[in-house]
Amino acid sequence: MSGSNFVDYIKIYCRSGNGGAGSTHFRREKFIPKGGPDGGDGGRGGHIILRGNSQMWTLLHLRYKRHIFAGIGVSGGSQQSTGANGEDVIIEVPLGTIARNEANDEVLFEITSHGDEKILARGGRGGLGNTHFKSSTNQAPRYAQPGEQGIEAAFILELKILADVGLVGFPNAGKSTLLSVVSAARPKIADYPFTTLVPNLGIVSYRENKSFVMADIPGIIEGAHEGKGLGIRFLRHIERNSMLLFLIPADSKKIKDEYDILVNELKMYNPELLDKKRMLAISKSDLLDDELKKEIRVDLPDISRVFISSITGEGINILKDMIWKILNNY
């Protein structure tokens, strides 16, 4: 996904359909000049519906279609015939899409599974025809209900990527390189900070045709929770990961200090992120000999850790084994 094609936040303006009016028709047939009321009900207005699509990764398709209108319900007819419902509009969105009301920022729902459908804006109900209002004292009601108005409002759609493993680290820590080695993803890779400007997803093949999804999140810097660097724009994607894989290069001045800074940024953004399973991978380990690794191990955080090199392949299979065990609670 190139930067211009990845859209994870968008505002759309929706108007669901008005319900059709009920009919005030009376039965008029040969030899029955004064038949009773037989007006039918109006059809409901069209809904605006969000549907999950596991093949989509961005909200780009809504960038140029931000005004969405559903169909209007048809009025009722004679012989108690109900009017047709207004045409629904179905918007397909990636899994992990959250819908919020723009007016009060209320979270309405989240789309998490393929084919999952949720009504974003409900169409107005159709009005009742005059046949519903006849009684012993009013056998010829000359009124019916009008159709109910649809909903007209602005909504925010926000994408939080669903992945098993989220890569967390400073810019230029080797996250994109690791993702390109363990999966078929081809993120942009270069030797400067903020190479990754959008999240990248890769499916990692494991033993016996098993697999898991890994997400490369743009690099975090100190103060990211306050908007520094790429700020909190992409921190929200970490919220939907099952576990977090911290990636810190072997040539860092002090690995534990960098790990603590990263953990603190996550904590300041959302303390619940610290409840996720964590693991540490020390990248670029081809720069180390056994003696240096032994020294570094003394001062590492107390979580599962492994030395890896995306260049030589050192520790990559061990990393996959450890991730699989953590994901499956072995």
Protein backbone atom coordinates (compact mmCIF):
# COMPACT_ATOMS: atom_id res chain seq x y z
CA MET A 1 0.00 0.00 0.00
CA SER A 2 1.53 3.30 -1.00
CA GLY A 3 1.10 6.31 1.23
CA SER A 4 -1.37 7.96 -1.17
CA ASN A 5 -3.55 4.85 -1.27
CA PHE A 6 -3.79 4.16 2.44
CA VAL A 7 -6.74 5.97 4.05
CA ASP A 8 -7.62 5.03 7.62
CA TYR A 9 -9.78 7.99 8.67
CA ILE A 10 -12.61 9.60 6.73
CA LYS A 11 -15.80 11.59 7.30
CA ILE A 12 -18.87 10.76 5.24
CA TYR A 13 -22.23 12.48 5.02
CA CYS A 14 -25.21 10.09 4.97
CA ARG A 15 -28.92 10.45 4.37
CA SER A 16 -31.08 7.37 4.75
CA GLY A 17 -34.38 7.16 2.87
CA ASN A 18 -37.67 8.63 4.05
CA GLY A 19 -40.47 6.16 4.61
CA GLY A 20 -43.35 6.11 2.11
CA ALA A 21 -46.70 7.60 3.10
CA GLY A 22 -49.66 5.39 3.96
CA SER A 23 -52.59 5.41 1.50
CA THR A 24 -56.06 6.86 2.15
CA HIS A 25 -57.67 4.77 -0.62
CA PHE A 26 -61.21 3.36 -0.42
CA ARG A 27 -62.46 0.23 -2.08
CA ARG A 28 -64.43 1.13 -5.22
CA GLU A 29 -65.69 -1.77 -7.37
CA LYS A 30 -68.74 -2.53 -9.44
CA PHE A 31 -71.74 -3.18 -7.20
CA ILE A 32 -69.67 -2.02 -4.21
CA PRO A 33 -69.86 1.78 -4.51
CA LYS A 34 -69.15 2.41 -0.86
CA GLY A 35 -66.49 -0.10 0.11
CA GLY A 36 -64.43 0.43 3.21
CA PRO A 37 -60.89 1.80 3.50
CA ASP A 38 -58.23 -0.35 1.85
CA GLY A 39 -55.19 1.94 1.80
CA GLY A 40 -51.88 0.10 2.14
CA ASP A 41 -48.82 0.98 4.20
CA GLY A 42 -45.86 2.90 2.84
CA GLY A 43 -42.54 1.14 2.33
CA ARG A 44 -39.65 1.87 4.65
CA GLY A 45 -36.82 4.11 3.54
CA GLY A 46 -33.51 2.60 2.51
CA HIS A 47 -30.82 1.89 5.12
CA ILE A 48 -27.15 2.78 4.80
CA ILE A 49 -25.25 -0.35 5.82
CA LEU A 50 -21.59 -1.11 6.47
CA ARG A 51 -20.39 -4.59 5.47
CA GLY A 52 -17.03 -6.13 6.41
CA ASN A 53 -14.75 -7.24 3.58
CA SER A 54 -11.59 -9.15 4.50
CA GLN A 55 -10.05 -8.35 1.09
CA MET A 56 -9.98 -4.61 1.75
CA TRP A 57 -7.23 -2.80 3.68
CA THR A 58 -8.10 0.87 3.26
CA LEU A 59 -10.98 3.36 3.17
CA LEU A 60 -9.61 4.88 -0.04
CA HIS A 61 -12.77 4.06 -2.02
CA LEU A 62 -14.73 6.53 0.14
CA ARG A 63 -12.35 9.45 -0.42
CA TYR A 64 -14.25 10.59 -3.52
CA LYS A 65 -17.70 9.42 -2.47
CA ARG A 66 -18.40 11.13 0.82
CA HIS A 67 -22.10 11.91 0.23
CA ILE A 68 -24.20 8.77 0.39
CA PHE A 69 -27.98 8.74 -0.05
CA ALA A 70 -30.33 5.76 0.28
CA GLY A 71 -33.60 5.27 -1.63
CA ILE A 72 -36.99 6.66 -0.58
CA GLY A 73 -39.84 4.30 0.37
CA VAL A 74 -42.81 4.12 -2.01
CA SER A 75 -46.27 5.18 -0.81
CA GLY A 76 -48.89 2.53 -0.10
CA GLY A 77 -51.52 1.64 -2.70
CA SER A 78 -55.04 0.33 -2.99
CA GLN A 79 -56.22 -3.11 -1.90
CA GLN A 80 -53.95 -2.82 1.14
CA SER A 81 -50.83 -3.11 -1.02
CA THR A 82 -47.65 -2.07 0.76
CA GLY A 83 -45.29 0.26 -1.05
CA ALA A 84 -41.81 -0.96 -2.01
CA ASN A 85 -38.96 -0.32 0.39
CA GLY A 86 -36.36 2.25 -0.55
CA GLU A 87 -33.11 0.84 -1.96
CA ASP A 88 -30.47 0.13 0.68
CA VAL A 89 -26.91 1.32 0.16
CA ILE A 90 -24.20 -1.13 1.25
CA ILE A 91 -20.71 0.24 1.90
CA GLU A 92 -17.96 -2.36 2.06
CA VAL A 93 -15.21 -1.56 4.56
CA PRO A 94 -12.06 -3.31 5.86
CA LEU A 95 -12.21 -5.37 9.03
CA GLY A 96 -11.39 -3.24 12.05
CA THR A 97 -13.45 -0.25 10.88
CA ILE A 98 -15.07 1.73 13.68
CA ALA A 99 -18.10 3.97 13.02
CA ARG A 100 -18.60 7.09 15.13
CA ASN A 101 -21.23 9.81 15.17
CA GLU A 102 -19.46 13.00 14.14
CA ALA A 103 -21.75 15.24 16.23
CA ASN A 104 -20.98 13.72 19.65
CA ASP A 105 -18.04 11.39 18.89
CA GLU A 106 -20.08 8.39 20.13
CA VAL A 107 -18.77 5.01 18.94
CA LEU A 108 -21.65 3.23 17.24
CA PHE A 109 -20.11 -0.14 16.37
CA GLU A 110 -17.09 -1.93 14.94
CA ILE A 111 -16.88 -4.25 11.93
CA THR A 112 -14.66 -7.22 12.85
CA SER A 113 -15.62 -10.16 10.63
CA HIS A 114 -16.08 -10.82 6.91
CA GLY A 115 -19.68 -10.33 5.80
CA ASP A 116 -20.64 -8.67 9.09
CA GLU A 117 -23.36 -6.06 8.38
CA LYS A 118 -24.32 -3.14 10.64
CA ILE A 119 -26.82 -0.38 9.90
CA LEU A 120 -25.12 3.03 9.98
CA ALA A 121 -28.20 5.13 9.17
CA ARG A 122 -31.63 3.51 9.48
CA GLY A 123 -34.29 4.35 6.92
CA GLY A 124 -37.58 5.92 8.07
CA ARG A 125 -40.55 3.67 8.72
CA GLY A 126 -43.40 3.64 6.24
CA GLY A 127 -46.67 5.25 7.31
CA LEU A 128 -49.76 3.17 8.07
CA GLY A 129 -52.60 3.18 5.54
CA ASN A 130 -56.13 4.26 6.48
CA THR A 131 -57.26 0.64 6.83
CA HIS A 132 -55.47 0.60 10.22
CA PHE A 133 -57.64 3.45 11.57
CA LYS A 134 -61.16 2.15 10.87
CA SER A 135 -63.32 1.45 13.89
CA SER A 136 -66.93 0.98 14.83
CA THR A 137 -67.29 4.74 15.25
CA ASN A 138 -65.14 5.75 12.26
CA GLN A 139 -65.73 3.37 9.40
CA ALA A 140 -64.33 5.65 6.68
CA PRO A 141 -61.13 7.29 8.00
CA ARG A 142 -59.83 9.78 5.46
CA TYR A 143 -56.35 9.99 6.88
CA ALA A 144 -53.19 7.88 6.99
CA GLN A 145 -49.74 8.24 8.47
CA PRO A 146 -46.99 10.08 6.61
CA GLY A 147 -43.71 8.25 6.23
CA GLU A 148 -41.04 8.71 8.90
CA GLN A 149 -38.08 10.91 8.00
CA GLY A 150 -34.74 9.21 7.41
CA ILE A 151 -31.53 10.06 9.26
CA GLU A 152 -29.32 12.84 7.96
CA ALA A 153 -25.94 13.01 9.70
CA ALA A 154 -22.16 12.96 9.35
CA PHE A 155 -20.21 9.90 10.47
CA ILE A 156 -16.53 9.20 11.07
CA LEU A 157 -15.10 5.91 9.81
CA GLU A 158 -11.81 4.99 11.44
CA LEU A 159 -9.74 1.94 10.57
CA LYS A 160 -7.79 0.04 13.23
CA ILE A 161 -5.83 -2.71 11.53
CA LEU A 162 -6.54 -6.24 12.73
CA ALA A 163 -3.31 -8.26 13.02
CA ASP A 164 -1.95 -10.97 15.29
CA VAL A 165 1.44 -9.30 15.80
CA GLY A 166 2.21 -5.59 15.84
CA LEU A 167 5.81 -4.48 15.30
CA VAL A 168 6.78 -1.69 17.69
CA GLY A 169 10.03 0.22 17.51
CA PHE A 170 11.82 3.45 16.77
CA PRO A 171 12.25 4.60 13.17
CA ASN A 172 14.94 2.67 11.29
CA ALA A 173 14.87 -0.27 13.72
CA GLY A 174 14.51 -2.79 10.90
CA LYS A 175 10.77 -3.48 11.18
CA SER A 176 10.09 -3.23 7.44
CA THR A 177 13.10 -5.41 6.65
CA LEU A 178 11.89 -8.09 9.06
CA LEU A 179 8.38 -8.03 7.56
CA SER A 180 9.81 -8.41 4.05
CA VAL A 181 11.87 -11.43 5.19
CA VAL A 182 9.14 -13.35 7.02
CA SER A 183 6.28 -12.60 4.60
CA ALA A 184 5.53 -11.71 1.00
CA ALA A 185 4.91 -8.05 1.93
CA ARG A 186 7.17 -5.56 0.16
CA PRO A 187 7.25 -2.39 2.26
CA LYS A 188 9.49 0.51 1.31
CA ILE A 189 12.94 0.02 2.90
CA ALA A 190 15.71 2.62 3.18
CA ASP A 191 18.41 3.63 5.65
CA TYR A 192 16.70 6.71 7.09
CA PRO A 193 13.99 7.38 9.71
CA PHE A 194 10.29 7.33 8.84
CA THR A 195 10.70 5.17 5.74
CA THR A 196 7.38 3.56 6.71
CA LEU A 197 4.63 6.17 6.54
CA VAL A 198 1.66 3.79 6.54
CA PRO A 199 1.05 0.42 8.23
CA ASN A 200 2.01 -2.63 6.17
CA LEU A 201 0.52 -6.10 6.63
CA GLY A 202 2.17 -9.41 5.88
CA ILE A 203 1.01 -13.03 6.27
CA VAL A 204 3.77 -15.06 7.91
CA SER A 205 3.86 -18.72 6.92
CA TYR A 206 4.48 -21.15 9.78
CA ARG A 207 4.84 -24.89 10.10
CA GLU A 208 2.18 -27.29 8.76
CA ASN A 209 0.52 -24.63 6.59
CA LYS A 210 -0.28 -22.44 9.59
CA SER A 211 0.11 -18.68 9.43
CA PHE A 212 -0.34 -15.44 11.34
CA VAL A 213 -0.63 -11.78 10.34
CA MET A 214 2.11 -9.28 11.20
CA ALA A 215 1.70 -5.50 10.98
CA ASP A 216 4.58 -3.08 10.50
CA ILE A 217 3.54 0.14 12.26
CA PRO A 218 5.35 3.43 11.43
CA GLY A 219 8.14 4.15 13.91
CA ILE A 220 7.40 5.63 17.31
CA ILE A 221 9.52 8.41 18.82
CA GLU A 222 9.57 9.82 22.33
CA GLY A 223 6.57 12.11 22.69
CA ALA A 224 4.52 10.29 20.04
CA HIS A 225 1.47 10.21 22.34
CA GLU A 226 1.52 14.03 22.21
CA GLY A 227 1.61 14.06 18.43
CA LYS A 228 5.38 14.25 17.84
CA GLY A 229 6.82 12.54 14.79
CA LEU A 230 3.96 10.69 13.13
CA GLY A 231 2.13 11.15 16.42
CA ILE A 232 -0.90 9.19 17.50
CA ARG A 233 -2.16 8.77 13.95
CA PHE A 234 -0.90 5.18 13.78
CA LEU A 235 -0.74 4.29 17.48
CA ARG A 236 -4.40 3.30 17.27
CA HIS A 237 -3.51 0.43 14.92
CA ILE A 238 -1.63 -1.25 17.79
CA GLU A 239 -4.86 -1.47 19.79
CA ARG A 240 -6.16 -4.35 17.67
CA ASN A 241 -3.01 -6.52 17.73
CA SER A 242 -3.04 -9.72 19.77
CA MET A 243 0.59 -9.27 20.82
CA LEU A 244 3.34 -6.68 20.46
CA LEU A 245 6.80 -7.48 19.13
CA PHE A 246 9.28 -4.81 20.22
CA LEU A 247 12.14 -4.48 17.76
CA ILE A 248 15.33 -2.75 18.92
CA PRO A 249 18.60 -2.82 16.92
CA ALA A 250 21.72 -4.35 18.45
CA ASP A 251 23.69 -1.13 17.89
CA SER A 252 21.45 0.89 20.24
CA LYS A 253 23.23 2.66 23.09
CA LYS A 254 21.10 0.91 25.72
CA ILE A 255 18.40 -1.53 24.68
CA LYS A 256 16.51 -1.48 27.99
CA ASP A 257 16.24 2.34 27.96
CA GLU A 258 14.80 2.31 24.44
CA TYR A 259 12.36 -0.44 25.43
CA ASP A 260 11.23 1.60 28.47
CA ILE A 261 10.64 4.68 26.28
CA LEU A 262 8.52 2.66 23.86
CA VAL A 263 6.49 1.10 26.67
CA ASN A 264 5.93 4.53 28.22
CA GLU A 265 4.64 5.96 24.93
CA LEU A 266 2.13 3.13 24.68
CA LYS A 267 1.12 3.62 28.29
CA MET A 268 0.59 7.38 27.84
CA TYR A 269 -1.50 6.76 24.73
CA ASN A 270 -3.61 3.92 26.17
CA PRO A 271 -2.70 2.09 29.40
CA GLU A 272 -4.66 -0.98 28.26
CA LEU A 273 -1.97 -1.64 25.64
CA LEU A 274 0.31 -2.82 28.45
CA ASP A 275 -2.06 -5.73 29.06
CA LYS A 276 -1.09 -7.24 25.71
CA LYS A 277 1.48 -10.01 25.43
CA ARG A 278 4.94 -8.64 24.69
CA MET A 279 8.14 -9.95 23.19
CA LEU A 280 11.51 -8.39 22.38
CA ALA A 281 13.60 -9.04 19.27
CA ILE A 282 17.09 -7.55 19.05
CA SER A 283 17.61 -6.89 15.34
CA LYS A 284 20.85 -6.50 13.37
CA SER A 285 22.42 -9.20 15.59
CA ASP A 286 24.86 -10.09 12.82
CA LEU A 287 26.87 -7.15 14.21
CA LEU A 288 27.40 -9.03 17.49
CA ASP A 289 29.65 -11.88 18.51
CA ASP A 290 28.82 -14.35 21.30
CA GLU A 291 30.70 -12.31 23.91
CA LEU A 292 28.72 -9.12 23.17
CA LYS A 293 25.42 -11.02 23.20
CA LYS A 294 26.27 -12.39 26.61
CA GLU A 295 26.95 -8.88 27.92
CA ILE A 296 23.72 -7.51 26.44
CA ARG A 297 21.58 -10.31 27.94
CA VAL A 298 22.48 -9.17 31.46
CA ASP A 299 20.55 -5.91 31.11
CA LEU A 300 17.51 -6.88 29.03
CA PRO A 301 13.87 -6.41 30.16
CA ASP A 302 12.24 -9.43 31.78
CA ILE A 303 10.18 -10.62 28.80
CA SER A 304 10.67 -13.24 26.09
CA ARG A 305 13.53 -12.15 23.83
CA VAL A 306 15.54 -13.36 20.87
CA PHE A 307 18.51 -12.15 18.82
CA ILE A 308 17.70 -11.96 15.10
CA SER A 309 19.21 -10.79 11.84
CA SER A 310 17.00 -10.18 8.82
CA ILE A 311 20.13 -10.17 6.64
CA THR A 312 21.64 -13.53 7.64
CA GLY A 313 18.40 -15.18 8.81
CA GLU A 314 19.78 -15.72 12.32
CA GLY A 315 17.02 -16.43 14.85
CA ILE A 316 14.15 -15.95 12.38
CA ASN A 317 12.75 -19.48 12.81
CA ILE A 318 13.18 -19.24 16.58
CA LEU A 319 11.29 -15.92 16.46
CA LYS A 320 8.39 -17.54 14.58
CA ASP A 321 8.27 -20.42 17.08
CA MET A 322 8.17 -18.04 20.03
CA ILE A 323 5.46 -15.86 18.45
CA TRP A 324 3.31 -18.91 17.68
CA LYS A 325 3.60 -20.18 21.25
CA ILE A 326 2.65 -16.77 22.68
CA LEU A 327 -0.30 -16.37 20.32
CA ASN A 328 -1.61 -19.81 21.21
CA ASN A 329 -0.83 -19.66 24.94
CA TYR A 330 1.57 -22.61 24.86
